[in-house]
C-alpha atoms as a PDB file:
ATOM      1  CA  MET A   1     -26.874 -13.639-207.053  1.00  0.00           C
ATOM      2  CA  SER A   2     -28.170 -16.967-208.339  1.00  0.00           C
ATOM      3  CA  VAL A   3     -26.702 -20.355-207.548  1.00  0.00           C
ATOM      4  CA  ASN A   4     -26.237 -22.776-210.418  1.00  0.00           C
ATOM      5  CA  THR A   5     -26.286 -26.484-209.641  1.00  0.00           C
ATOM      6  CA  ILE A   6     -24.205 -28.881-211.689  1.00  0.00           C
ATOM      7  CA  VAL A   7     -25.993 -32.197-212.103  1.00  0.00           C
ATOM      8  CA  LEU A   8     -23.675 -35.214-212.237  1.00  0.00           C
ATOM      9  CA  SER A   9     -24.703 -38.604-213.502  1.00  0.00           C
ATOM     10  CA  ALA A  10     -23.516 -41.925-212.129  1.00  0.00           C
ATOM     11  CA  THR A  11     -21.161 -42.140-215.101  1.00  0.00           C
ATOM     12  CA  ASP A  12     -19.615 -38.775-214.218  1.00  0.00           C
ATOM     13  CA  LEU A  13     -19.076 -39.857-210.618  1.00  0.00           C
ATOM     14  CA  GLY A  14     -17.660 -43.207-211.689  1.00  0.00           C
ATOM     15  CA  LEU A  15     -15.212 -41.522-214.053  1.00  0.00           C
ATOM     16  CA  ALA A  16     -14.091 -39.143-211.315  1.00  0.00           C
ATOM     17  CA  ALA A  17     -13.586 -42.060-208.912  1.00  0.00           C
ATOM     18  CA  LEU A  18     -11.595 -43.929-211.545  1.00  0.00           C
ATOM     19  CA  LEU A  19      -9.329 -40.927-212.117  1.00  0.00           C
ATOM     20  CA  VAL A  20      -8.711 -40.552-208.375  1.00  0.00           C
ATOM     21  CA  LEU A  21      -7.911 -44.260-208.156  1.00  0.00           C
ATOM     22  CA  LEU A  22      -5.469 -43.996-211.065  1.00  0.00           C
ATOM     23  CA  LEU A  23      -3.803 -41.031-209.394  1.00  0.00           C
ATOM     24  CA  ALA A  24      -3.460 -42.943-206.113  1.00  0.00           C
ATOM     25  CA  LEU A  25      -2.050 -45.992-207.927  1.00  0.00           C
ATOM     26  CA  THR A  26       0.427 -43.820-209.826  1.00  0.00           C
ATOM     27  CA  SER A  27       1.536 -42.248-206.570  1.00  0.00           C
ATOM     28  CA  TRP A  28       1.967 -45.692-205.017  1.00  0.00           C
ATOM     29  CA  ARG A  29       3.878 -46.977-208.068  1.00  0.00           C
ATOM     30  CA  MET A  30       6.260 -44.000-207.946  1.00  0.00           C
ATOM     31  CA  ARG A  31       6.627 -44.488-204.170  1.00  0.00           C
ATOM     32  CA  LEU A  32       5.581 -40.911-203.437  1.00  0.00           C
ATOM     33  CA  GLY A  33       3.664 -41.867-200.313  1.00  0.00           C
ATOM     34  CA  LEU A  34       0.607 -39.832-201.289  1.00  0.00           C
ATOM     35  CA  GLY A  35      -1.827 -42.614-202.152  1.00  0.00           C
ATOM     36  CA  GLY A  36      -3.487 -42.742-198.734  1.00  0.00           C
ATOM     37  CA  GLN A  37      -3.783 -38.973-198.519  1.00  0.00           C
ATOM     38  CA  ILE A  38      -5.323 -38.813-201.993  1.00  0.00           C
ATOM     39  CA  VAL A  39      -7.946 -41.443-201.120  1.00  0.00           C
ATOM     40  CA  ILE A  40      -8.788 -39.752-197.798  1.00  0.00           C
ATOM     41  CA  ALA A  41      -9.102 -36.367-199.525  1.00  0.00           C
ATOM     42  CA  ALA A  42     -11.413 -37.875-202.166  1.00  0.00           C
ATOM     43  CA  ILE A  43     -13.619 -39.462-199.491  1.00  0.00           C
ATOM     44  CA  ARG A  44     -13.796 -36.223-197.489  1.00  0.00           C
ATOM     45  CA  THR A  45     -14.666 -34.243-200.613  1.00  0.00           C
ATOM     46  CA  THR A  46     -17.397 -36.713-201.559  1.00  0.00           C
ATOM     47  CA  LEU A  47     -18.912 -36.563-198.075  1.00  0.00           C
ATOM     48  CA  GLN A  48     -18.821 -32.761-197.969  1.00  0.00           C
ATOM     49  CA  LEU A  49     -20.438 -32.412-201.387  1.00  0.00           C
ATOM     50  CA  GLY A  50     -23.046 -35.030-200.538  1.00  0.00           C
ATOM     51  CA  TRP A  51     -24.398 -33.143-197.540  1.00  0.00           C
END
């Protein structure tokens, strides 16, 4: 079985970060209380994928 690596550019990562930020802001605006959890999950995912 071969492993395929997906190469992401800085633009791709910036777009993903922007979408996560918009999701967190939408959650905050709707008073869902998920904004902090979304940001923490995004940071954890970034750290796990970076190692």
